[in-house]
Every structure is written in structure tokens, then in C-alpha cells.
Amino acid sequence: CVDSTPVPGSTSDFVCTCTNGVAATGAPAVCEMDECDMTQRGFAACPAQNCNDPQPAANSQWDWVCSCPGAPTLTRVGAVALCTLNECATPANPCPIGQACVDG
């Protein structure tokens, strides 16, 4: 918080600034922290995965959701999703009819 004119009679001219640059004059700034934004976190929340932060408010942390590319139902809140790929379960089963497919 910075008050550039700290003299009597000069009120509501202070400026509050969040660490991400969001500022407000005469009131607290509404700071947001998108936990999926690498520039704000310093590291990727979901490396090589899809990331969504449903509540980017600064007081709402560890609620981001990682989901697996190609399998959006495989998700995990606040951590990297556990993605697996069963090549036999793909729509185009690589084994012809009459053969069993096992992805080892």
C-alpha cells in the first residue's frame, strides 16, 4: 500500500497493488492467482496435461484441476493427474478379430 500524499485532507488516494500488478485506489486490490499460470507459480502445475483453476482468487489455493490429454475424465485436484494409456482400449483396436490384445 502506498500513500503518495500523506497529508490531512487527502484521503482515499492510497494505492494497493498485488504482486501480479493488479492495483486499486482507495481500497484493497482484488488479487488473483491463477495456479495454472507458470509465470505466477514459477513451475507448471500440470506438466504436459490440461490445467484449470476454477477459483483464481488469492485465498483459494490448491484447487486447480489437472486432466489427461485425450482422457479428460482422468483428473486430479491440486496435483498432477495419473494418466494411463491402454492401447488396446482405443477405438481402433490394433489386433484383428480373433486375437487378444494385451498392453503390457
N, C-alpha and C. Protein backbone atom coordinates (compact mmCIF):
# COMPACT_ATOMS: atom_id res chain seq x y z
N CYS A 1 0.85 -1.18 0.00
CA CYS A 1 0.00 0.00 0.00
C CYS A 1 0.89 1.24 0.00
N VAL A 2 0.59 2.18 -0.88
CA VAL A 2 1.38 3.41 -0.99
C VAL A 2 0.43 4.60 -0.93
N ASP A 3 0.76 5.56 -0.06
CA ASP A 3 0.00 6.81 0.02
C ASP A 3 0.93 7.92 -0.44
N SER A 4 0.75 8.37 -1.67
CA SER A 4 1.66 9.37 -2.25
C SER A 4 1.47 10.77 -1.67
N THR A 5 0.31 11.03 -1.04
CA THR A 5 0.07 12.34 -0.42
C THR A 5 -0.42 12.15 1.02
N PRO A 6 0.50 11.86 1.94
CA PRO A 6 0.13 11.59 3.33
C PRO A 6 -0.09 12.87 4.15
N VAL A 7 -1.03 13.69 3.72
CA VAL A 7 -1.32 14.94 4.42
C VAL A 7 -2.79 14.97 4.83
N PRO A 8 -3.12 15.69 5.91
CA PRO A 8 -4.53 15.79 6.31
C PRO A 8 -5.38 16.35 5.18
N GLY A 9 -6.55 15.82 5.02
CA GLY A 9 -7.46 16.28 3.97
C GLY A 9 -7.31 15.51 2.67
N SER A 10 -6.23 14.77 2.55
CA SER A 10 -6.02 13.96 1.35
C SER A 10 -6.32 12.51 1.71
N THR A 11 -7.58 12.12 1.48
CA THR A 11 -7.97 10.77 1.86
C THR A 11 -8.39 9.96 0.63
N SER A 12 -8.37 8.68 0.81
CA SER A 12 -8.78 7.72 -0.24
C SER A 12 -7.97 7.84 -1.52
N ASP A 13 -6.72 8.29 -1.39
CA ASP A 13 -5.87 8.35 -2.58
C ASP A 13 -4.71 7.35 -2.51
N PHE A 14 -4.75 6.49 -1.49
CA PHE A 14 -3.72 5.46 -1.38
C PHE A 14 -3.95 4.41 -2.48
N VAL A 15 -2.89 3.70 -2.81
CA VAL A 15 -2.96 2.67 -3.86
C VAL A 15 -2.44 1.35 -3.30
N CYS A 16 -3.27 0.32 -3.40
CA CYS A 16 -2.86 -1.03 -3.04
C CYS A 16 -2.56 -1.79 -4.32
N THR A 17 -1.43 -2.49 -4.35
CA THR A 17 -1.02 -3.21 -5.55
C THR A 17 -0.68 -4.65 -5.21
N CYS A 18 -1.25 -5.57 -5.97
CA CYS A 18 -0.95 -7.01 -5.82
C CYS A 18 0.41 -7.30 -6.45
N THR A 19 0.99 -8.41 -6.07
CA THR A 19 2.28 -8.78 -6.64
C THR A 19 2.21 -9.06 -8.14
N ASN A 20 0.98 -9.35 -8.66
CA ASN A 20 0.84 -9.59 -10.10
C ASN A 20 0.50 -8.30 -10.86
N GLY A 21 0.53 -7.14 -10.18
CA GLY A 21 0.34 -5.85 -10.85
C GLY A 21 -1.06 -5.28 -10.77
N VAL A 22 -2.04 -6.04 -10.32
CA VAL A 22 -3.41 -5.53 -10.18
C VAL A 22 -3.41 -4.50 -9.06
N ALA A 23 -4.01 -3.31 -9.32
CA ALA A 23 -3.99 -2.23 -8.35
C ALA A 23 -5.38 -1.64 -8.15
N ALA A 24 -5.57 -1.00 -7.00
CA ALA A 24 -6.82 -0.30 -6.71
C ALA A 24 -6.48 0.95 -5.91
N THR A 25 -7.22 2.02 -6.19
CA THR A 25 -7.03 3.28 -5.48
C THR A 25 -8.13 3.45 -4.44
N GLY A 26 -7.74 3.72 -3.21
CA GLY A 26 -8.69 3.97 -2.14
C GLY A 26 -9.35 2.74 -1.57
N ALA A 27 -8.88 1.58 -1.93
CA ALA A 27 -9.47 0.33 -1.43
C ALA A 27 -8.47 -0.80 -1.64
N PRO A 28 -8.68 -1.91 -0.95
CA PRO A 28 -7.80 -3.07 -1.20
C PRO A 28 -7.97 -3.58 -2.63
N ALA A 29 -6.88 -3.98 -3.23
CA ALA A 29 -6.93 -4.57 -4.57
C ALA A 29 -7.44 -6.00 -4.48
N VAL A 30 -8.12 -6.45 -5.51
CA VAL A 30 -8.59 -7.84 -5.57
C VAL A 30 -7.51 -8.63 -6.30
N CYS A 31 -6.73 -9.33 -5.52
CA CYS A 31 -5.59 -10.07 -6.09
C CYS A 31 -6.04 -11.45 -6.53
N GLU A 32 -5.59 -11.86 -7.69
CA GLU A 32 -5.88 -13.20 -8.19
C GLU A 32 -4.58 -13.94 -8.40
N MET A 33 -4.66 -15.24 -8.25
CA MET A 33 -3.52 -16.10 -8.54
C MET A 33 -4.02 -17.31 -9.29
N ASP A 34 -3.81 -17.30 -10.60
CA ASP A 34 -4.17 -18.46 -11.41
C ASP A 34 -3.09 -19.50 -11.21
N GLU A 35 -3.42 -20.56 -10.49
CA GLU A 35 -2.42 -21.57 -10.16
C GLU A 35 -1.93 -22.35 -11.37
N CYS A 36 -2.60 -22.21 -12.50
CA CYS A 36 -2.15 -22.86 -13.73
C CYS A 36 -1.17 -22.00 -14.50
N ASP A 37 -1.03 -20.74 -14.12
CA ASP A 37 -0.16 -19.80 -14.82
C ASP A 37 1.27 -19.96 -14.31
N MET A 38 2.14 -20.51 -15.16
CA MET A 38 3.53 -20.76 -14.76
C MET A 38 4.26 -19.50 -14.32
N THR A 39 3.92 -18.35 -14.93
CA THR A 39 4.64 -17.13 -14.57
C THR A 39 4.30 -16.69 -13.14
N GLN A 40 3.11 -17.06 -12.64
CA GLN A 40 2.75 -16.72 -11.26
C GLN A 40 3.27 -17.76 -10.27
N ARG A 41 3.31 -19.03 -10.67
CA ARG A 41 3.73 -20.11 -9.77
C ARG A 41 5.24 -20.34 -9.78
N GLY A 42 5.85 -20.14 -10.93
CA GLY A 42 7.27 -20.44 -11.07
C GLY A 42 7.53 -21.85 -11.57
N PHE A 43 6.48 -22.67 -11.67
CA PHE A 43 6.61 -24.02 -12.22
C PHE A 43 5.25 -24.44 -12.76
N ALA A 44 5.24 -25.46 -13.60
CA ALA A 44 3.99 -25.93 -14.19
C ALA A 44 3.22 -26.78 -13.19
N ALA A 45 1.95 -26.45 -12.98
CA ALA A 45 1.12 -27.22 -12.06
C ALA A 45 0.80 -28.59 -12.64
N CYS A 46 0.61 -28.64 -13.96
CA CYS A 46 0.24 -29.88 -14.65
C CYS A 46 1.11 -30.05 -15.88
N PRO A 47 2.37 -30.45 -15.73
CA PRO A 47 3.23 -30.57 -16.91
C PRO A 47 2.67 -31.57 -17.92
N ALA A 48 2.58 -31.14 -19.18
CA ALA A 48 2.10 -31.95 -20.32
C ALA A 48 0.65 -32.40 -20.13
N GLN A 49 -0.11 -31.70 -19.29
CA GLN A 49 -1.52 -32.01 -19.07
C GLN A 49 -2.34 -30.72 -19.18
N ASN A 50 -3.64 -30.86 -19.20
CA ASN A 50 -4.52 -29.70 -19.21
C ASN A 50 -4.72 -29.23 -17.77
N CYS A 51 -4.74 -27.91 -17.58
CA CYS A 51 -4.86 -27.36 -16.24
C CYS A 51 -5.99 -26.34 -16.21
N ASN A 52 -6.79 -26.38 -15.14
CA ASN A 52 -7.87 -25.42 -14.96
C ASN A 52 -7.93 -25.02 -13.48
N ASP A 53 -7.93 -23.72 -13.24
CA ASP A 53 -8.06 -23.21 -11.88
C ASP A 53 -9.46 -22.61 -11.75
N PRO A 54 -10.42 -23.33 -11.14
CA PRO A 54 -11.80 -22.86 -11.11
C PRO A 54 -12.01 -21.62 -10.25
N GLN A 55 -11.15 -21.38 -9.28
CA GLN A 55 -11.25 -20.21 -8.40
C GLN A 55 -9.88 -19.55 -8.32
N PRO A 56 -9.59 -18.57 -9.19
CA PRO A 56 -8.26 -17.96 -9.17
C PRO A 56 -8.05 -16.90 -8.09
N ALA A 57 -8.93 -16.84 -7.10
CA ALA A 57 -8.75 -15.88 -6.01
C ALA A 57 -7.50 -16.24 -5.21
N ALA A 58 -6.82 -15.23 -4.69
CA ALA A 58 -5.58 -15.46 -3.96
C ALA A 58 -5.79 -16.30 -2.71
N ASN A 59 -6.99 -16.26 -2.14
CA ASN A 59 -7.25 -17.05 -0.93
C ASN A 59 -7.79 -18.44 -1.23
N SER A 60 -7.85 -18.81 -2.50
CA SER A 60 -8.30 -20.14 -2.90
C SER A 60 -7.15 -20.86 -3.59
N GLN A 61 -6.43 -21.66 -2.82
CA GLN A 61 -5.25 -22.32 -3.37
C GLN A 61 -5.38 -23.84 -3.26
N TRP A 62 -4.60 -24.54 -4.06
CA TRP A 62 -4.57 -26.00 -4.15
C TRP A 62 -5.89 -26.57 -4.67
N ASP A 63 -6.60 -25.77 -5.51
CA ASP A 63 -7.86 -26.25 -6.08
C ASP A 63 -7.80 -26.42 -7.59
N TRP A 64 -6.60 -26.26 -8.17
CA TRP A 64 -6.50 -26.43 -9.62
C TRP A 64 -6.78 -27.89 -9.97
N VAL A 65 -7.19 -28.11 -11.24
CA VAL A 65 -7.53 -29.46 -11.69
C VAL A 65 -6.67 -29.81 -12.90
N CYS A 66 -5.93 -30.89 -12.79
CA CYS A 66 -5.15 -31.42 -13.91
C CYS A 66 -5.98 -32.51 -14.57
N SER A 67 -5.98 -32.51 -15.91
CA SER A 67 -6.66 -33.59 -16.63
C SER A 67 -5.75 -34.10 -17.74
N CYS A 68 -5.94 -35.36 -18.06
CA CYS A 68 -5.08 -36.02 -19.05
C CYS A 68 -5.50 -35.66 -20.47
N PRO A 69 -4.55 -35.32 -21.33
CA PRO A 69 -4.89 -35.06 -22.73
C PRO A 69 -5.48 -36.32 -23.36
N GLY A 70 -6.58 -36.18 -24.05
CA GLY A 70 -7.21 -37.32 -24.69
C GLY A 70 -8.08 -38.15 -23.75
N ALA A 71 -8.01 -37.87 -22.46
CA ALA A 71 -8.83 -38.59 -21.47
C ALA A 71 -9.27 -37.60 -20.39
N PRO A 72 -10.13 -36.64 -20.76
CA PRO A 72 -10.49 -35.57 -19.82
C PRO A 72 -11.19 -36.03 -18.55
N THR A 73 -11.64 -37.29 -18.50
CA THR A 73 -12.28 -37.77 -17.27
C THR A 73 -11.25 -38.21 -16.23
N LEU A 74 -9.99 -38.40 -16.66
CA LEU A 74 -8.93 -38.71 -15.70
C LEU A 74 -8.41 -37.39 -15.16
N THR A 75 -8.81 -37.04 -13.94
CA THR A 75 -8.44 -35.76 -13.35
C THR A 75 -7.90 -35.95 -11.94
N ARG A 76 -7.30 -34.88 -11.45
CA ARG A 76 -6.83 -34.85 -10.07
C ARG A 76 -6.81 -33.40 -9.61
N VAL A 77 -7.28 -33.14 -8.42
CA VAL A 77 -7.33 -31.78 -7.87
C VAL A 77 -6.05 -31.51 -7.07
N GLY A 78 -5.40 -30.40 -7.38
CA GLY A 78 -4.22 -29.97 -6.63
C GLY A 78 -2.97 -30.77 -6.87
N ALA A 79 -2.95 -31.60 -7.89
CA ALA A 79 -1.77 -32.42 -8.19
C ALA A 79 -1.84 -32.92 -9.64
N VAL A 80 -0.75 -33.44 -10.12
CA VAL A 80 -0.69 -33.98 -11.47
C VAL A 80 -1.60 -35.20 -11.56
N ALA A 81 -2.39 -35.28 -12.64
CA ALA A 81 -3.29 -36.42 -12.84
C ALA A 81 -2.49 -37.68 -13.16
N LEU A 82 -3.04 -38.81 -12.80
CA LEU A 82 -2.39 -40.09 -13.09
C LEU A 82 -2.95 -40.60 -14.41
N CYS A 83 -2.22 -40.36 -15.48
CA CYS A 83 -2.68 -40.71 -16.83
C CYS A 83 -2.11 -42.06 -17.25
N THR A 84 -2.97 -42.88 -17.79
CA THR A 84 -2.53 -44.16 -18.35
C THR A 84 -3.10 -44.26 -19.76
N LEU A 85 -2.45 -45.03 -20.58
CA LEU A 85 -2.91 -45.23 -21.95
C LEU A 85 -2.92 -46.72 -22.23
N ASN A 86 -4.11 -47.26 -22.36
CA ASN A 86 -4.25 -48.66 -22.74
C ASN A 86 -4.46 -48.68 -24.24
N GLU A 87 -3.45 -49.07 -24.98
CA GLU A 87 -3.54 -49.06 -26.44
C GLU A 87 -4.59 -50.02 -26.97
N CYS A 88 -4.96 -51.03 -26.20
CA CYS A 88 -5.98 -51.99 -26.62
C CYS A 88 -7.38 -51.42 -26.49
N ALA A 89 -7.54 -50.41 -25.65
CA ALA A 89 -8.87 -49.84 -25.40
C ALA A 89 -9.19 -48.70 -26.37
N THR A 90 -8.29 -48.42 -27.27
CA THR A 90 -8.55 -47.34 -28.23
C THR A 90 -9.64 -47.78 -29.20
N PRO A 91 -10.34 -46.81 -29.80
CA PRO A 91 -11.40 -47.18 -30.75
C PRO A 91 -10.90 -48.07 -31.90
N ALA A 92 -9.66 -47.88 -32.28
CA ALA A 92 -9.11 -48.71 -33.36
C ALA A 92 -8.20 -49.78 -32.74
N ASN A 93 -8.79 -50.84 -32.19
CA ASN A 93 -8.03 -51.93 -31.58
C ASN A 93 -7.02 -52.44 -32.61
N PRO A 94 -5.73 -52.47 -32.26
CA PRO A 94 -4.71 -52.86 -33.23
C PRO A 94 -4.71 -54.35 -33.60
N CYS A 95 -5.40 -55.17 -32.82
CA CYS A 95 -5.40 -56.61 -33.09
C CYS A 95 -6.67 -56.97 -33.88
N PRO A 96 -6.53 -57.79 -34.92
CA PRO A 96 -7.70 -58.18 -35.70
C PRO A 96 -8.63 -59.10 -34.91
N ILE A 97 -9.83 -59.28 -35.41
CA ILE A 97 -10.82 -60.15 -34.77
C ILE A 97 -10.22 -61.55 -34.61
N GLY A 98 -10.44 -62.13 -33.45
CA GLY A 98 -9.92 -63.47 -33.18
C GLY A 98 -8.61 -63.45 -32.42
N GLN A 99 -8.05 -62.26 -32.20
CA GLN A 99 -6.80 -62.15 -31.46
C GLN A 99 -7.04 -61.34 -30.17
N ALA A 100 -6.34 -61.69 -29.13
CA ALA A 100 -6.45 -60.96 -27.88
C ALA A 100 -5.40 -59.86 -27.84
N CYS A 101 -5.79 -58.73 -27.33
CA CYS A 101 -4.87 -57.60 -27.22
C CYS A 101 -4.51 -57.40 -25.75
N VAL A 102 -3.23 -57.37 -25.44
CA VAL A 102 -2.76 -57.11 -24.08
C VAL A 102 -1.71 -56.02 -24.17
N ASP A 103 -1.95 -54.93 -23.48
CA ASP A 103 -1.00 -53.81 -23.45
C ASP A 103 -0.14 -53.98 -22.20
N GLY A 104 1.07 -54.46 -22.39
CA GLY A 104 1.93 -54.81 -21.28
C GLY A 104 2.77 -53.73 -20.79
